[in-house]
Amino acid sequence: MSAVQGFDPAAWLSALVAIGGGYALASGRKLWFVVQDCKADELTAVMSHIVGHPDRVEALRWTIERRQAGEVL
């Protein structure tokens, strides 16, 4: 699950943070993105990799869960 057809969820999360964003996994496995400080063009480029790809969003959830469990990914 760590990679979905050429998609690297750890790299995607790093890209979001690099443009000033953040993320959290809330109860019920709800995925939250913090994007207030992101420039629109940079955010559009990052988000384009997951919009319409539920398998990639699930890979992000899985990656965050592993990190919360103390696993290094």
N, C-alpha and C. Protein backbone atom coordinates (compact mmCIF):
# COMPACT_ATOMS: atom_id res chain seq x y z
N MET A 1 0.82 -1.20 0.00
CA MET A 1 0.00 0.00 0.00
C MET A 1 0.86 1.26 0.00
N SER A 2 2.12 1.13 0.29
CA SER A 2 2.96 2.33 0.40
C SER A 2 3.13 3.06 -0.93
N ALA A 3 2.95 2.39 -2.04
CA ALA A 3 3.02 3.05 -3.34
C ALA A 3 1.89 2.52 -4.22
N VAL A 4 1.20 3.41 -4.89
CA VAL A 4 0.09 3.04 -5.74
C VAL A 4 0.42 3.48 -7.16
N GLN A 5 0.75 2.53 -8.00
CA GLN A 5 1.00 2.77 -9.42
C GLN A 5 1.81 4.05 -9.67
N GLY A 6 3.01 4.08 -9.15
CA GLY A 6 3.90 5.21 -9.38
C GLY A 6 3.67 6.40 -8.48
N PHE A 7 2.75 6.31 -7.55
CA PHE A 7 2.46 7.39 -6.60
C PHE A 7 3.17 7.09 -5.29
N ASP A 8 3.95 8.04 -4.82
CA ASP A 8 4.68 7.88 -3.55
C ASP A 8 4.01 8.78 -2.51
N PRO A 9 3.22 8.19 -1.61
CA PRO A 9 2.49 9.01 -0.64
C PRO A 9 3.40 9.79 0.30
N ALA A 10 4.53 9.24 0.70
CA ALA A 10 5.46 9.95 1.57
C ALA A 10 6.02 11.18 0.85
N ALA A 11 6.35 11.04 -0.41
CA ALA A 11 6.85 12.18 -1.19
C ALA A 11 5.75 13.22 -1.39
N TRP A 12 4.52 12.77 -1.59
CA TRP A 12 3.41 13.71 -1.75
C TRP A 12 3.21 14.52 -0.47
N LEU A 13 3.22 13.86 0.68
CA LEU A 13 3.08 14.57 1.95
C LEU A 13 4.21 15.57 2.14
N SER A 14 5.41 15.19 1.78
CA SER A 14 6.56 16.10 1.87
C SER A 14 6.38 17.30 0.96
N ALA A 15 5.84 17.07 -0.23
CA ALA A 15 5.61 18.17 -1.17
C ALA A 15 4.57 19.15 -0.61
N LEU A 16 3.54 18.63 0.03
CA LEU A 16 2.53 19.49 0.64
C LEU A 16 3.16 20.35 1.73
N VAL A 17 3.96 19.75 2.57
CA VAL A 17 4.62 20.48 3.65
C VAL A 17 5.60 21.51 3.07
N ALA A 18 6.28 21.15 2.01
CA ALA A 18 7.27 22.05 1.40
C ALA A 18 6.66 23.35 0.88
N ILE A 19 5.37 23.31 0.50
CA ILE A 19 4.73 24.53 0.01
C ILE A 19 3.98 25.26 1.13
N GLY A 20 4.17 24.82 2.37
CA GLY A 20 3.57 25.51 3.51
C GLY A 20 2.31 24.87 4.04
N GLY A 21 1.98 23.70 3.54
CA GLY A 21 0.77 23.00 3.98
C GLY A 21 1.04 22.05 5.12
N GLY A 22 0.00 21.39 5.53
CA GLY A 22 0.09 20.39 6.58
C GLY A 22 -1.04 19.39 6.42
N TYR A 23 -1.07 18.41 7.31
CA TYR A 23 -2.09 17.37 7.21
C TYR A 23 -2.32 16.76 8.59
N ALA A 24 -3.48 16.13 8.72
CA ALA A 24 -3.80 15.42 9.95
C ALA A 24 -4.78 14.31 9.60
N LEU A 25 -4.72 13.25 10.37
CA LEU A 25 -5.68 12.16 10.23
C LEU A 25 -6.52 12.17 11.50
N ALA A 26 -7.80 12.53 11.36
CA ALA A 26 -8.70 12.67 12.49
C ALA A 26 -9.44 11.36 12.74
N SER A 27 -10.28 11.37 13.75
CA SER A 27 -11.07 10.17 14.05
C SER A 27 -11.90 9.78 12.84
N GLY A 28 -12.14 8.51 12.72
CA GLY A 28 -12.87 8.01 11.57
C GLY A 28 -12.05 8.03 10.30
N ARG A 29 -10.73 8.17 10.45
CA ARG A 29 -9.80 8.20 9.32
C ARG A 29 -10.07 9.36 8.36
N LYS A 30 -10.63 10.44 8.90
CA LYS A 30 -10.87 11.64 8.09
C LYS A 30 -9.54 12.33 7.87
N LEU A 31 -9.25 12.58 6.61
CA LEU A 31 -7.99 13.20 6.22
C LEU A 31 -8.20 14.71 6.06
N TRP A 32 -7.42 15.48 6.81
CA TRP A 32 -7.52 16.93 6.76
C TRP A 32 -6.24 17.51 6.19
N PHE A 33 -6.41 18.47 5.29
CA PHE A 33 -5.28 19.19 4.73
C PHE A 33 -5.34 20.64 5.20
N VAL A 34 -4.22 21.14 5.66
CA VAL A 34 -4.10 22.54 6.08
C VAL A 34 -3.39 23.26 4.94
N VAL A 35 -4.10 24.18 4.30
CA VAL A 35 -3.56 24.77 3.08
C VAL A 35 -3.61 26.30 3.08
N GLN A 36 -3.95 26.89 4.21
CA GLN A 36 -4.13 28.33 4.29
C GLN A 36 -2.93 29.12 3.80
N ASP A 37 -1.73 28.66 4.10
CA ASP A 37 -0.53 29.42 3.74
C ASP A 37 0.10 28.99 2.41
N CYS A 38 -0.60 28.17 1.65
CA CYS A 38 -0.08 27.69 0.37
C CYS A 38 -0.47 28.64 -0.76
N LYS A 39 0.46 28.87 -1.67
CA LYS A 39 0.14 29.64 -2.88
C LYS A 39 -0.74 28.78 -3.77
N ALA A 40 -1.72 29.41 -4.39
CA ALA A 40 -2.72 28.69 -5.18
C ALA A 40 -2.11 27.84 -6.29
N ASP A 41 -1.15 28.37 -7.02
CA ASP A 41 -0.57 27.61 -8.13
C ASP A 41 0.21 26.40 -7.63
N GLU A 42 0.91 26.56 -6.52
CA GLU A 42 1.66 25.43 -5.94
C GLU A 42 0.70 24.37 -5.39
N LEU A 43 -0.36 24.83 -4.74
CA LEU A 43 -1.34 23.89 -4.19
C LEU A 43 -2.05 23.13 -5.30
N THR A 44 -2.39 23.82 -6.36
CA THR A 44 -3.04 23.17 -7.49
C THR A 44 -2.16 22.05 -8.06
N ALA A 45 -0.89 22.33 -8.20
CA ALA A 45 0.04 21.32 -8.74
C ALA A 45 0.12 20.10 -7.83
N VAL A 46 0.19 20.33 -6.52
CA VAL A 46 0.29 19.21 -5.57
C VAL A 46 -1.02 18.42 -5.53
N MET A 47 -2.13 19.12 -5.41
CA MET A 47 -3.43 18.45 -5.27
C MET A 47 -3.84 17.69 -6.53
N SER A 48 -3.33 18.11 -7.67
CA SER A 48 -3.70 17.44 -8.92
C SER A 48 -3.31 15.97 -8.93
N HIS A 49 -2.38 15.59 -8.08
CA HIS A 49 -1.94 14.20 -8.03
C HIS A 49 -2.90 13.28 -7.27
N ILE A 50 -3.82 13.88 -6.50
CA ILE A 50 -4.73 13.03 -5.72
C ILE A 50 -6.20 13.23 -6.07
N VAL A 51 -6.56 14.37 -6.66
CA VAL A 51 -7.96 14.62 -7.00
C VAL A 51 -8.43 13.57 -8.00
N GLY A 52 -9.51 12.90 -7.65
CA GLY A 52 -10.05 11.86 -8.53
C GLY A 52 -9.36 10.52 -8.41
N HIS A 53 -8.49 10.36 -7.42
CA HIS A 53 -7.74 9.12 -7.21
C HIS A 53 -7.96 8.63 -5.78
N PRO A 54 -9.09 8.01 -5.50
CA PRO A 54 -9.34 7.54 -4.13
C PRO A 54 -8.30 6.54 -3.63
N ASP A 55 -7.69 5.79 -4.52
CA ASP A 55 -6.65 4.85 -4.11
C ASP A 55 -5.42 5.60 -3.58
N ARG A 56 -5.12 6.73 -4.15
CA ARG A 56 -3.99 7.53 -3.68
C ARG A 56 -4.30 8.18 -2.33
N VAL A 57 -5.54 8.64 -2.17
CA VAL A 57 -5.94 9.22 -0.89
C VAL A 57 -5.86 8.15 0.20
N GLU A 58 -6.28 6.94 -0.12
CA GLU A 58 -6.18 5.85 0.85
C GLU A 58 -4.71 5.55 1.17
N ALA A 59 -3.85 5.63 0.20
CA ALA A 59 -2.41 5.43 0.44
C ALA A 59 -1.87 6.51 1.37
N LEU A 60 -2.37 7.73 1.25
CA LEU A 60 -1.97 8.80 2.16
C LEU A 60 -2.41 8.48 3.58
N ARG A 61 -3.66 8.04 3.72
CA ARG A 61 -4.16 7.67 5.06
C ARG A 61 -3.28 6.58 5.66
N TRP A 62 -2.99 5.56 4.89
CA TRP A 62 -2.20 4.43 5.36
C TRP A 62 -0.81 4.90 5.79
N THR A 63 -0.21 5.76 5.01
CA THR A 63 1.13 6.28 5.32
C THR A 63 1.12 7.08 6.61
N ILE A 64 0.12 7.93 6.78
CA ILE A 64 0.02 8.72 8.01
C ILE A 64 -0.20 7.80 9.21
N GLU A 65 -1.04 6.81 9.06
CA GLU A 65 -1.26 5.85 10.16
C GLU A 65 0.03 5.15 10.54
N ARG A 66 0.82 4.75 9.56
CA ARG A 66 2.10 4.09 9.86
C ARG A 66 3.03 5.03 10.59
N ARG A 67 3.06 6.28 10.17
CA ARG A 67 3.91 7.27 10.85
C ARG A 67 3.45 7.48 12.28
N GLN A 68 2.14 7.55 12.49
CA GLN A 68 1.60 7.72 13.85
C GLN A 68 1.93 6.51 14.73
N ALA A 69 2.05 5.35 14.11
CA ALA A 69 2.38 4.14 14.84
C ALA A 69 3.88 4.04 15.12
N GLY A 70 4.65 5.02 14.63
CA GLY A 70 6.07 5.04 14.89
C GLY A 70 6.92 4.36 13.84
N GLU A 71 6.30 3.94 12.76
CA GLU A 71 7.05 3.32 11.68
C GLU A 71 7.69 4.41 10.83
N VAL A 72 8.87 4.17 10.36
CA VAL A 72 9.57 5.13 9.50
C VAL A 72 9.29 4.75 8.06
N LEU A 73 8.74 5.69 7.31
CA LEU A 73 8.43 5.43 5.90
C LEU A 73 9.15 6.43 5.03
